[in-house]
């Protein structure tokens, strides 16, 4: 049994398919996904379809990210016909790409086409966090002084990796959220950030926690591999 952790996907279904083909998670494996499945990239719908498939074939632990929270908030406000949501603000940070991925012509924003199955997955089955004996798995960050059950939304979903400190539990934190535009995971002695900017010119990263190895894939269908030791002095190029 492996524990595999995938960083922010952001609508990049080609990179996700490529990565899954490379790591081949099976029914005995725990697969932790760190959130931000939607927005920015071209195929948020496709990414959520893949996650629904993974629920049937592996032990998926899907953590929710801030972009899913925004997505659900917008759809809730639209369903109630309320005007206080900054719809244009969300569209500018990747929401437009998400809505277009549900459109039959890929040109029209199609609120009514969002799958109820996708909404159920995001609102009912996604987790605020996941934890095992040695690691904390969160979307963005965790306050060093509080248990995960006592963390605020601001820490779990919005606080950047720059503000990470050793957790009082002694466990290592594995997170996403803060895009590493080098294309490589950001490794600290007590924390690892796996958001490697796949929607930009970076990569989608999967970490095998016990083996301390990484597999990465990009939207061009390329794959590369490295170890935790390699990242002591990672290359600076993304491709």
Foldseek 3Di string as FASTA:
>chain_A
DFEKEWEAQAQLLLFVVLQCVVVVAFAAYEYEYAENLHFLAQASVNSLVVVVVCVVGYNYAYAYAPLLVLVLVVLVCVVVVHDPRPVVVNVVRGVVSRQLNQDPVSPDRDSPSPDPVSVCCSPPVHDQWDDDPAETEAAAAFDQEDDSVPGDCCGRHPDHPVPHDAHPVNHAYEYEDHADQLQDWDDDPRYIYQRPPQSPLHWIWMARVVQQKIWTGHSVSDIDIDGPVCVVPDDRHRD
